[in-house]
Amino acid sequence: MTRYEDQVAEHRDYLYKFARLQLRNEAWAEDAVSETLLAALAKPQAFDNRSQLKTWLVGILKHKVVDALRHHGREVTGLGSSEDEDTDPLELLNFKADGHFVETPADWGNPEQQTSSRQFFEILEACTEKLPAAQGRLFLMREWLELSSEEICKELNLTPTNLYVQLHRARLRLRECLEVNWFQKAGAL
């Protein structure tokens, strides 16, 4: 193998972990990573050192993940029910009628400083993996793949209200998980 091929191969495990987190299906993740590596190896001249190799490969992988989500979108189950459609999204917010929080959120101190830690991202990834599969997939599509709400609704045949409800629930669960597993522990240090 050439040095370029070796460098590409070194990122395989990271790419697989990223794809598995996004797709929540080992076979789909493996396919997306294989397609990414093949694309990178087929056109090495496309990598012109404007970024890190890993960043470039993740950029390719994002497109492969979106393609996989589009292709397998119909197989995604549990994205919501008619019960979700009937729920007023404002009822899901944790506020009293007077506009105050029902339960005051924990003080996160200086989140920017704490999020620069590699350990924080490991905890965030673990919290994301604990989300119900459908909520996790929607959250990752919106926040990590940066797809628009309209694109997600179209791809998964969701109403904007249902998407909003599912994303809100995912964010609440992530907040709770981060408070328990990161911010409370970081504050205790």
N, C-alpha and C. Protein backbone atom coordinates (compact mmCIF):
# COMPACT_ATOMS: atom_id res chain seq x y z
N MET A 1 0.84 -1.19 0.00
CA MET A 1 0.00 0.00 0.00
C MET A 1 0.88 1.25 0.00
N THR A 2 0.38 2.29 -0.63
CA THR A 2 1.08 3.57 -0.61
C THR A 2 0.81 4.29 0.71
N ARG A 3 1.56 5.31 0.97
CA ARG A 3 1.38 6.07 2.22
C ARG A 3 -0.03 6.65 2.30
N TYR A 4 -0.56 7.17 1.19
CA TYR A 4 -1.92 7.72 1.18
C TYR A 4 -2.93 6.65 1.56
N GLU A 5 -2.81 5.47 0.99
CA GLU A 5 -3.73 4.37 1.30
C GLU A 5 -3.64 3.99 2.77
N ASP A 6 -2.43 3.98 3.32
CA ASP A 6 -2.25 3.69 4.75
C ASP A 6 -2.94 4.73 5.62
N GLN A 7 -2.78 5.99 5.25
CA GLN A 7 -3.40 7.07 6.01
C GLN A 7 -4.93 6.97 5.98
N VAL A 8 -5.47 6.66 4.83
CA VAL A 8 -6.92 6.50 4.70
C VAL A 8 -7.38 5.33 5.57
N ALA A 9 -6.66 4.23 5.50
CA ALA A 9 -7.03 3.03 6.26
C ALA A 9 -6.97 3.27 7.77
N GLU A 10 -6.08 4.14 8.22
CA GLU A 10 -5.96 4.44 9.65
C GLU A 10 -7.24 5.03 10.24
N HIS A 11 -8.05 5.66 9.42
CA HIS A 11 -9.26 6.33 9.89
C HIS A 11 -10.51 5.45 9.84
N ARG A 12 -10.35 4.21 9.38
CA ARG A 12 -11.50 3.32 9.23
C ARG A 12 -12.29 3.13 10.52
N ASP A 13 -11.62 2.86 11.63
CA ASP A 13 -12.33 2.61 12.88
C ASP A 13 -13.14 3.84 13.32
N TYR A 14 -12.54 5.02 13.19
CA TYR A 14 -13.25 6.25 13.55
C TYR A 14 -14.47 6.43 12.65
N LEU A 15 -14.28 6.24 11.37
CA LEU A 15 -15.39 6.40 10.42
C LEU A 15 -16.51 5.42 10.72
N TYR A 16 -16.14 4.18 11.04
CA TYR A 16 -17.16 3.18 11.36
C TYR A 16 -17.94 3.58 12.62
N LYS A 17 -17.23 4.04 13.62
CA LYS A 17 -17.89 4.47 14.86
C LYS A 17 -18.85 5.62 14.58
N PHE A 18 -18.41 6.57 13.77
CA PHE A 18 -19.25 7.70 13.39
C PHE A 18 -20.49 7.22 12.63
N ALA A 19 -20.30 6.36 11.66
CA ALA A 19 -21.41 5.86 10.84
C ALA A 19 -22.39 5.02 11.67
N ARG A 20 -21.86 4.19 12.56
CA ARG A 20 -22.73 3.36 13.39
C ARG A 20 -23.59 4.22 14.32
N LEU A 21 -23.00 5.27 14.85
CA LEU A 21 -23.74 6.19 15.71
C LEU A 21 -24.85 6.87 14.93
N GLN A 22 -24.56 7.23 13.69
CA GLN A 22 -25.55 7.90 12.86
C GLN A 22 -26.65 6.95 12.39
N LEU A 23 -26.26 5.80 11.92
CA LEU A 23 -27.20 4.89 11.27
C LEU A 23 -27.83 3.88 12.22
N ARG A 24 -27.15 3.58 13.32
CA ARG A 24 -27.63 2.63 14.31
C ARG A 24 -27.90 1.25 13.70
N ASN A 25 -27.09 0.91 12.74
CA ASN A 25 -27.20 -0.39 12.09
C ASN A 25 -25.80 -0.75 11.59
N GLU A 26 -25.27 -1.83 12.10
CA GLU A 26 -23.88 -2.19 11.79
C GLU A 26 -23.64 -2.45 10.31
N ALA A 27 -24.56 -3.13 9.66
CA ALA A 27 -24.39 -3.44 8.24
C ALA A 27 -24.43 -2.17 7.39
N TRP A 28 -25.37 -1.27 7.69
CA TRP A 28 -25.46 -0.02 6.94
C TRP A 28 -24.20 0.81 7.18
N ALA A 29 -23.72 0.83 8.43
CA ALA A 29 -22.52 1.60 8.76
C ALA A 29 -21.32 1.04 8.00
N GLU A 30 -21.20 -0.26 7.98
CA GLU A 30 -20.09 -0.89 7.27
C GLU A 30 -20.13 -0.54 5.78
N ASP A 31 -21.33 -0.58 5.20
CA ASP A 31 -21.48 -0.23 3.79
C ASP A 31 -21.08 1.22 3.54
N ALA A 32 -21.54 2.13 4.40
CA ALA A 32 -21.24 3.55 4.23
C ALA A 32 -19.73 3.81 4.33
N VAL A 33 -19.08 3.16 5.27
CA VAL A 33 -17.63 3.33 5.44
C VAL A 33 -16.89 2.74 4.24
N SER A 34 -17.31 1.58 3.79
CA SER A 34 -16.66 0.97 2.62
C SER A 34 -16.78 1.88 1.40
N GLU A 35 -17.97 2.42 1.20
CA GLU A 35 -18.17 3.32 0.06
C GLU A 35 -17.32 4.58 0.20
N THR A 36 -17.18 5.07 1.43
CA THR A 36 -16.35 6.25 1.69
C THR A 36 -14.89 5.96 1.36
N LEU A 37 -14.39 4.84 1.85
CA LEU A 37 -13.00 4.49 1.61
C LEU A 37 -12.74 4.25 0.12
N LEU A 38 -13.67 3.59 -0.54
CA LEU A 38 -13.52 3.35 -1.98
C LEU A 38 -13.49 4.67 -2.75
N ALA A 39 -14.37 5.60 -2.37
CA ALA A 39 -14.41 6.91 -3.04
C ALA A 39 -13.09 7.66 -2.82
N ALA A 40 -12.58 7.61 -1.59
CA ALA A 40 -11.33 8.31 -1.28
C ALA A 40 -10.15 7.68 -2.01
N LEU A 41 -10.14 6.37 -2.11
CA LEU A 41 -9.04 5.69 -2.77
C LEU A 41 -9.13 5.79 -4.30
N ALA A 42 -10.34 5.90 -4.81
CA ALA A 42 -10.53 5.99 -6.26
C ALA A 42 -10.07 7.34 -6.81
N LYS A 43 -10.18 8.40 -5.99
CA LYS A 43 -9.81 9.74 -6.45
C LYS A 43 -8.93 10.44 -5.43
N PRO A 44 -7.71 9.97 -5.25
CA PRO A 44 -6.83 10.60 -4.26
C PRO A 44 -6.54 12.06 -4.59
N GLN A 45 -6.60 12.41 -5.87
CA GLN A 45 -6.34 13.79 -6.27
C GLN A 45 -7.41 14.75 -5.75
N ALA A 46 -8.58 14.24 -5.39
CA ALA A 46 -9.65 15.09 -4.85
C ALA A 46 -9.28 15.64 -3.47
N PHE A 47 -8.43 14.94 -2.77
CA PHE A 47 -7.93 15.43 -1.47
C PHE A 47 -6.74 16.32 -1.76
N ASP A 48 -6.95 17.60 -1.62
CA ASP A 48 -5.87 18.53 -1.97
C ASP A 48 -5.29 19.24 -0.75
N ASN A 49 -5.37 18.60 0.39
CA ASN A 49 -4.77 19.11 1.63
C ASN A 49 -5.33 20.45 2.10
N ARG A 50 -6.57 20.78 1.70
CA ARG A 50 -7.20 22.00 2.23
C ARG A 50 -7.72 21.78 3.63
N SER A 51 -7.78 20.53 4.06
CA SER A 51 -8.22 20.18 5.40
C SER A 51 -7.43 18.96 5.85
N GLN A 52 -7.72 18.52 7.06
CA GLN A 52 -7.13 17.28 7.54
C GLN A 52 -7.76 16.12 6.76
N LEU A 53 -7.03 15.06 6.58
CA LEU A 53 -7.55 13.89 5.87
C LEU A 53 -8.80 13.36 6.57
N LYS A 54 -8.77 13.29 7.89
CA LYS A 54 -9.91 12.79 8.66
C LYS A 54 -11.15 13.65 8.41
N THR A 55 -10.98 14.96 8.38
CA THR A 55 -12.11 15.87 8.13
C THR A 55 -12.68 15.64 6.74
N TRP A 56 -11.82 15.47 5.77
CA TRP A 56 -12.25 15.22 4.40
C TRP A 56 -13.01 13.90 4.30
N LEU A 57 -12.49 12.87 4.95
CA LEU A 57 -13.16 11.56 4.93
C LEU A 57 -14.52 11.62 5.61
N VAL A 58 -14.62 12.34 6.73
CA VAL A 58 -15.91 12.49 7.41
C VAL A 58 -16.89 13.23 6.51
N GLY A 59 -16.40 14.21 5.77
CA GLY A 59 -17.27 14.91 4.82
C GLY A 59 -17.85 13.97 3.78
N ILE A 60 -17.02 13.09 3.26
CA ILE A 60 -17.51 12.08 2.30
C ILE A 60 -18.50 11.16 3.00
N LEU A 61 -18.14 10.73 4.20
CA LEU A 61 -19.00 9.80 4.94
C LEU A 61 -20.37 10.40 5.24
N LYS A 62 -20.42 11.69 5.54
CA LYS A 62 -21.71 12.33 5.80
C LYS A 62 -22.65 12.15 4.62
N HIS A 63 -22.11 12.32 3.42
CA HIS A 63 -22.95 12.13 2.21
C HIS A 63 -23.38 10.68 2.07
N LYS A 64 -22.50 9.75 2.39
CA LYS A 64 -22.84 8.33 2.31
C LYS A 64 -23.90 7.97 3.36
N VAL A 65 -23.80 8.58 4.54
CA VAL A 65 -24.79 8.34 5.60
C VAL A 65 -26.15 8.87 5.17
N VAL A 66 -26.17 10.06 4.61
CA VAL A 66 -27.44 10.63 4.12
C VAL A 66 -28.03 9.73 3.05
N ASP A 67 -27.19 9.25 2.14
CA ASP A 67 -27.67 8.33 1.10
C ASP A 67 -28.26 7.06 1.73
N ALA A 68 -27.57 6.53 2.74
CA ALA A 68 -28.07 5.32 3.41
C ALA A 68 -29.39 5.60 4.11
N LEU A 69 -29.51 6.75 4.74
CA LEU A 69 -30.77 7.10 5.41
C LEU A 69 -31.90 7.23 4.40
N ARG A 70 -31.60 7.80 3.27
CA ARG A 70 -32.62 7.92 2.22
C ARG A 70 -33.01 6.54 1.70
N HIS A 71 -32.01 5.72 1.47
CA HIS A 71 -32.26 4.38 0.92
C HIS A 71 -33.03 3.51 1.92
N HIS A 72 -32.65 3.57 3.17
CA HIS A 72 -33.25 2.71 4.19
C HIS A 72 -34.32 3.42 5.01
N GLY A 73 -34.67 4.63 4.63
CA GLY A 73 -35.60 5.44 5.42
C GLY A 73 -36.92 4.74 5.72
N ARG A 74 -37.38 3.97 4.82
CA ARG A 74 -38.66 3.29 5.02
C ARG A 74 -38.56 2.20 6.09
N GLU A 75 -37.33 1.74 6.36
CA GLU A 75 -37.14 0.70 7.36
C GLU A 75 -37.09 1.25 8.77
N VAL A 76 -36.97 2.58 8.89
CA VAL A 76 -36.93 3.21 10.21
C VAL A 76 -38.32 3.13 10.80
N THR A 77 -38.39 2.57 11.98
CA THR A 77 -39.68 2.43 12.61
C THR A 77 -39.72 3.19 13.91
N GLY A 78 -40.92 3.40 14.41
CA GLY A 78 -41.07 4.01 15.72
C GLY A 78 -40.78 5.50 15.73
N LEU A 79 -41.00 6.19 14.61
CA LEU A 79 -40.72 7.62 14.59
C LEU A 79 -41.80 8.45 15.24
N GLY A 80 -42.82 7.85 15.64
CA GLY A 80 -43.88 8.61 16.28
C GLY A 80 -45.20 7.93 16.06
N SER A 81 -46.16 8.41 16.76
CA SER A 81 -47.48 7.84 16.62
C SER A 81 -48.48 8.96 16.47
N SER A 82 -49.72 8.60 16.24
CA SER A 82 -50.75 9.63 16.14
C SER A 82 -50.89 10.36 17.46
N GLU A 83 -50.51 9.70 18.56
CA GLU A 83 -50.53 10.36 19.86
C GLU A 83 -49.59 11.56 19.84
N ASP A 84 -48.43 11.42 19.21
CA ASP A 84 -47.49 12.52 19.10
C ASP A 84 -48.06 13.66 18.27
N GLU A 85 -48.80 13.31 17.24
CA GLU A 85 -49.39 14.33 16.38
C GLU A 85 -50.39 15.18 17.15
N ASP A 86 -51.10 14.57 18.10
CA ASP A 86 -52.13 15.28 18.84
C ASP A 86 -51.57 16.07 20.02
N THR A 87 -50.32 15.87 20.36
CA THR A 87 -49.72 16.54 21.50
C THR A 87 -49.33 17.95 21.12
N ASP A 88 -49.74 18.91 21.94
CA ASP A 88 -49.33 20.28 21.74
C ASP A 88 -47.86 20.38 22.13
N PRO A 89 -46.98 20.79 21.21
CA PRO A 89 -45.56 20.84 21.54
C PRO A 89 -45.25 21.70 22.75
N LEU A 90 -46.05 22.71 23.00
CA LEU A 90 -45.80 23.57 24.15
C LEU A 90 -46.02 22.83 25.46
N GLU A 91 -46.85 21.78 25.44
CA GLU A 91 -47.06 20.98 26.65
C GLU A 91 -45.80 20.23 27.04
N LEU A 92 -44.90 20.00 26.09
CA LEU A 92 -43.69 19.25 26.36
C LEU A 92 -42.63 20.10 27.04
N LEU A 93 -42.77 21.41 26.95
CA LEU A 93 -41.80 22.28 27.59
C LEU A 93 -41.95 22.20 29.09
N ASN A 94 -40.86 22.34 29.79
CA ASN A 94 -40.88 22.21 31.24
C ASN A 94 -41.10 23.56 31.91
N PHE A 95 -42.22 24.22 31.57
CA PHE A 95 -42.52 25.52 32.14
C PHE A 95 -43.89 25.50 32.81
N LYS A 96 -44.02 26.32 33.84
CA LYS A 96 -45.30 26.53 34.49
C LYS A 96 -46.09 27.54 33.67
N ALA A 97 -47.35 27.71 34.03
CA ALA A 97 -48.20 28.66 33.32
C ALA A 97 -47.66 30.08 33.40
N ASP A 98 -46.94 30.41 34.50
CA ASP A 98 -46.40 31.76 34.65
C ASP A 98 -45.08 31.96 33.90
N GLY A 99 -44.62 30.93 33.18
CA GLY A 99 -43.41 31.05 32.38
C GLY A 99 -42.14 30.62 33.07
N HIS A 100 -42.19 30.26 34.34
CA HIS A 100 -41.01 29.80 35.06
C HIS A 100 -40.82 28.30 34.85
N PHE A 101 -39.56 27.86 35.00
CA PHE A 101 -39.27 26.44 34.87
C PHE A 101 -40.01 25.65 35.95
N VAL A 102 -40.53 24.47 35.57
CA VAL A 102 -41.11 23.56 36.55
C VAL A 102 -40.00 23.12 37.49
N GLU A 103 -38.88 22.73 36.91
CA GLU A 103 -37.70 22.34 37.68
C GLU A 103 -36.52 23.12 37.12
N THR A 104 -35.87 23.89 37.95
CA THR A 104 -34.77 24.72 37.50
C THR A 104 -33.64 23.84 36.97
N PRO A 105 -33.17 24.14 35.74
CA PRO A 105 -32.07 23.35 35.19
C PRO A 105 -30.81 23.50 36.04
N ALA A 106 -29.98 22.48 36.00
CA ALA A 106 -28.73 22.52 36.76
C ALA A 106 -27.81 23.59 36.18
N ASP A 107 -26.98 24.16 37.03
CA ASP A 107 -26.01 25.15 36.59
C ASP A 107 -24.87 24.41 35.90
N TRP A 108 -24.66 24.70 34.63
CA TRP A 108 -23.64 24.03 33.86
C TRP A 108 -22.31 24.77 33.89
N GLY A 109 -22.22 25.80 34.68
CA GLY A 109 -20.97 26.53 34.78
C GLY A 109 -20.61 27.15 33.45
N ASN A 110 -19.44 26.86 32.93
CA ASN A 110 -18.98 27.38 31.65
C ASN A 110 -18.95 26.24 30.64
N PRO A 111 -20.07 26.00 29.95
CA PRO A 111 -20.13 24.86 29.02
C PRO A 111 -19.08 24.92 27.92
N GLU A 112 -18.75 26.11 27.41
CA GLU A 112 -17.76 26.19 26.33
C GLU A 112 -16.42 25.62 26.77
N GLN A 113 -16.04 25.94 27.99
CA GLN A 113 -14.77 25.43 28.50
C GLN A 113 -14.83 23.92 28.66
N GLN A 114 -15.95 23.41 29.17
CA GLN A 114 -16.06 21.98 29.43
C GLN A 114 -16.20 21.17 28.15
N THR A 115 -16.83 21.76 27.12
CA THR A 115 -17.04 21.00 25.88
C THR A 115 -15.77 20.88 25.06
N SER A 116 -14.72 21.56 25.43
CA SER A 116 -13.47 21.40 24.71
C SER A 116 -12.75 20.12 25.12
N SER A 117 -13.28 19.45 26.12
CA SER A 117 -12.67 18.23 26.62
C SER A 117 -13.06 17.02 25.78
N ARG A 118 -12.10 16.16 25.50
CA ARG A 118 -12.37 14.92 24.76
C ARG A 118 -13.33 14.04 25.56
N GLN A 119 -13.18 14.06 26.90
CA GLN A 119 -14.06 13.25 27.75
C GLN A 119 -15.52 13.70 27.61
N PHE A 120 -15.73 15.00 27.45
CA PHE A 120 -17.09 15.48 27.28
C PHE A 120 -17.73 14.83 26.06
N PHE A 121 -17.00 14.80 24.96
CA PHE A 121 -17.56 14.24 23.73
C PHE A 121 -17.77 12.73 23.83
N GLU A 122 -16.98 12.07 24.62
CA GLU A 122 -17.22 10.65 24.87
C GLU A 122 -18.52 10.46 25.63
N ILE A 123 -18.76 11.32 26.62
CA ILE A 123 -20.02 11.25 27.39
C ILE A 123 -21.19 11.62 26.49
N LEU A 124 -21.04 12.67 25.67
CA LEU A 124 -22.11 13.06 24.75
C LEU A 124 -22.45 11.92 23.80
N GLU A 125 -21.44 11.25 23.28
CA GLU A 125 -21.66 10.12 22.37
C GLU A 125 -22.40 8.99 23.09
N ALA A 126 -21.99 8.71 24.32
CA ALA A 126 -22.66 7.66 25.10
C ALA A 126 -24.11 8.04 25.37
N CYS A 127 -24.35 9.30 25.68
CA CYS A 127 -25.73 9.75 25.92
C CYS A 127 -26.56 9.65 24.63
N THR A 128 -25.96 9.99 23.51
CA THR A 128 -26.66 9.91 22.22
C THR A 128 -27.02 8.46 21.90
N GLU A 129 -26.12 7.54 22.21
CA GLU A 129 -26.39 6.12 21.96
C GLU A 129 -27.52 5.59 22.84
N LYS A 130 -27.76 6.22 23.99
CA LYS A 130 -28.83 5.78 24.89
C LYS A 130 -30.20 6.27 24.46
N LEU A 131 -30.25 7.21 23.53
CA LEU A 131 -31.54 7.69 23.05
C LEU A 131 -32.28 6.56 22.35
N PRO A 132 -33.61 6.56 22.40
CA PRO A 132 -34.34 5.60 21.57
C PRO A 132 -33.88 5.74 20.12
N ALA A 133 -33.82 4.65 19.41
CA ALA A 133 -33.23 4.64 18.07
C ALA A 133 -33.80 5.71 17.15
N ALA A 134 -35.11 5.85 17.10
CA ALA A 134 -35.72 6.82 16.19
C ALA A 134 -35.37 8.25 16.59
N GLN A 135 -35.43 8.55 17.88
CA GLN A 135 -35.08 9.90 18.34
C GLN A 135 -33.61 10.18 18.08
N GLY A 136 -32.77 9.21 18.35
CA GLY A 136 -31.34 9.39 18.10
C GLY A 136 -31.06 9.67 16.64
N ARG A 137 -31.71 8.92 15.77
CA ARG A 137 -31.51 9.10 14.33
C ARG A 137 -31.95 10.50 13.90
N LEU A 138 -33.11 10.94 14.37
CA LEU A 138 -33.59 12.28 14.01
C LEU A 138 -32.66 13.36 14.54
N PHE A 139 -32.23 13.21 15.79
CA PHE A 139 -31.33 14.19 16.39
C PHE A 139 -30.03 14.27 15.60
N LEU A 140 -29.46 13.13 15.26
CA LEU A 140 -28.20 13.12 14.52
C LEU A 140 -28.37 13.69 13.11
N MET A 141 -29.48 13.39 12.47
CA MET A 141 -29.73 13.94 11.14
C MET A 141 -29.79 15.46 11.19
N ARG A 142 -30.46 15.98 12.22
CA ARG A 142 -30.64 17.43 12.33
C ARG A 142 -29.39 18.14 12.82
N GLU A 143 -28.79 17.63 13.89
CA GLU A 143 -27.71 18.37 14.55
C GLU A 143 -26.32 18.00 14.06
N TRP A 144 -26.08 16.76 13.66
CA TRP A 144 -24.73 16.36 13.27
C TRP A 144 -24.57 16.33 11.76
N LEU A 145 -25.58 15.85 11.07
CA LEU A 145 -25.51 15.86 9.61
C LEU A 145 -25.99 17.20 9.05
N GLU A 146 -26.60 18.01 9.91
CA GLU A 146 -27.06 19.35 9.58
C GLU A 146 -28.07 19.38 8.43
N LEU A 147 -28.92 18.36 8.38
CA LEU A 147 -30.01 18.38 7.41
C LEU A 147 -31.07 19.34 7.90
N SER A 148 -31.74 19.97 6.99
CA SER A 148 -32.81 20.89 7.39
C SER A 148 -34.01 20.09 7.86
N SER A 149 -34.86 20.74 8.62
CA SER A 149 -36.08 20.08 9.10
C SER A 149 -36.93 19.63 7.92
N GLU A 150 -36.98 20.46 6.88
CA GLU A 150 -37.77 20.11 5.70
C GLU A 150 -37.24 18.84 5.03
N GLU A 151 -35.90 18.72 4.95
CA GLU A 151 -35.31 17.53 4.34
C GLU A 151 -35.63 16.28 5.15
N ILE A 152 -35.54 16.40 6.46
CA ILE A 152 -35.81 15.24 7.33
C ILE A 152 -37.27 14.83 7.21
N CYS A 153 -38.17 15.80 7.26
CA CYS A 153 -39.60 15.50 7.15
C CYS A 153 -39.91 14.83 5.82
N LYS A 154 -39.30 15.31 4.75
CA LYS A 154 -39.53 14.73 3.43
C LYS A 154 -38.98 13.31 3.36
N GLU A 155 -37.74 13.12 3.84
CA GLU A 155 -37.11 11.81 3.77
C GLU A 155 -37.82 10.75 4.60
N LEU A 156 -38.31 11.15 5.78
CA LEU A 156 -38.91 10.18 6.69
C LEU A 156 -40.43 10.27 6.76
N ASN A 157 -41.00 11.09 5.90
CA ASN A 157 -42.45 11.24 5.83
C ASN A 157 -43.04 11.62 7.20
N LEU A 158 -42.48 12.67 7.79
CA LEU A 158 -42.95 13.17 9.09
C LEU A 158 -43.57 14.53 8.90
N THR A 159 -44.46 14.89 9.81
CA THR A 159 -44.96 16.25 9.82
C THR A 159 -43.96 17.10 10.60
N PRO A 160 -43.91 18.39 10.34
CA PRO A 160 -43.01 19.26 11.10
C PRO A 160 -43.29 19.20 12.60
N THR A 161 -44.56 19.09 12.98
CA THR A 161 -44.90 19.02 14.40
C THR A 161 -44.33 17.76 15.03
N ASN A 162 -44.47 16.63 14.36
CA ASN A 162 -43.94 15.39 14.90
C ASN A 162 -42.42 15.46 15.01
N LEU A 163 -41.77 16.01 14.01
CA LEU A 163 -40.32 16.17 14.07
C LEU A 163 -39.93 17.04 15.26
N TYR A 164 -40.62 18.15 15.43
CA TYR A 164 -40.33 19.06 16.54
C TYR A 164 -40.48 18.33 17.88
N VAL A 165 -41.55 17.58 18.03
CA VAL A 165 -41.80 16.85 19.28
C VAL A 165 -40.67 15.84 19.54
N GLN A 166 -40.31 15.06 18.51
CA GLN A 166 -39.28 14.05 18.68
C GLN A 166 -37.92 14.69 18.99
N LEU A 167 -37.58 15.77 18.30
CA LEU A 167 -36.31 16.46 18.57
C LEU A 167 -36.30 17.06 19.97
N HIS A 168 -37.43 17.61 20.38
CA HIS A 168 -37.51 18.18 21.73
C HIS A 168 -37.30 17.09 22.79
N ARG A 169 -37.93 15.97 22.61
CA ARG A 169 -37.77 14.87 23.56
C ARG A 169 -36.33 14.37 23.58
N ALA A 170 -35.71 14.28 22.42
CA ALA A 170 -34.31 13.84 22.35
C ALA A 170 -33.41 14.83 23.08
N ARG A 171 -33.63 16.11 22.88
CA ARG A 171 -32.80 17.13 23.54
C ARG A 171 -32.99 17.10 25.05
N LEU A 172 -34.23 16.90 25.50
CA LEU A 172 -34.46 16.81 26.95
C LEU A 172 -33.72 15.61 27.55
N ARG A 173 -33.77 14.48 26.85
CA ARG A 173 -33.08 13.29 27.35
C ARG A 173 -31.56 13.50 27.35
N LEU A 174 -31.06 14.14 26.32
CA LEU A 174 -29.62 14.41 26.27
C LEU A 174 -29.22 15.36 27.39
N ARG A 175 -30.03 16.39 27.63
CA ARG A 175 -29.73 17.33 28.71
C ARG A 175 -29.67 16.61 30.05
N GLU A 176 -30.66 15.77 30.28
CA GLU A 176 -30.70 15.03 31.55
C GLU A 176 -29.48 14.11 31.68
N CYS A 177 -29.15 13.41 30.63
CA CYS A 177 -28.01 12.50 30.65
C CYS A 177 -26.71 13.27 30.88
N LEU A 178 -26.55 14.41 30.21
CA LEU A 178 -25.34 15.21 30.39
C LEU A 178 -25.25 15.78 31.80
N GLU A 179 -26.39 16.20 32.34
CA GLU A 179 -26.38 16.72 33.70
C GLU A 179 -25.91 15.66 34.69
N VAL A 180 -26.42 14.45 34.53
CA VAL A 180 -26.08 13.37 35.45
C VAL A 180 -24.65 12.87 35.25
N ASN A 181 -24.27 12.69 34.00
CA ASN A 181 -23.00 12.03 33.70
C ASN A 181 -21.82 12.96 33.45
N TRP A 182 -22.06 14.25 33.29
CA TRP A 182 -20.94 15.15 33.03
C TRP A 182 -20.93 16.36 33.95
N PHE A 183 -21.99 17.16 33.90
CA PHE A 183 -21.95 18.44 34.60
C PHE A 183 -21.96 18.29 36.11
N GLN A 184 -22.73 17.35 36.64
CA GLN A 184 -22.72 17.14 38.09
C GLN A 184 -21.37 16.61 38.53
N LYS A 185 -20.80 15.72 37.73
CA LYS A 185 -19.49 15.14 38.08
C LYS A 185 -18.39 16.19 37.91
N ALA A 186 -18.50 17.02 36.86
CA ALA A 186 -17.47 18.05 36.64
C ALA A 186 -17.52 19.10 37.74
N GLY A 187 -18.75 19.43 38.18
CA GLY A 187 -18.90 20.41 39.26
C GLY A 187 -18.40 19.87 40.58
N ALA A 188 -18.42 18.56 40.73
CA ALA A 188 -17.99 17.94 41.99
C ALA A 188 -16.48 17.87 42.09
N LEU A 189 -15.80 18.00 40.95
CA LEU A 189 -14.33 17.91 40.94
C LEU A 189 -13.69 19.11 41.57
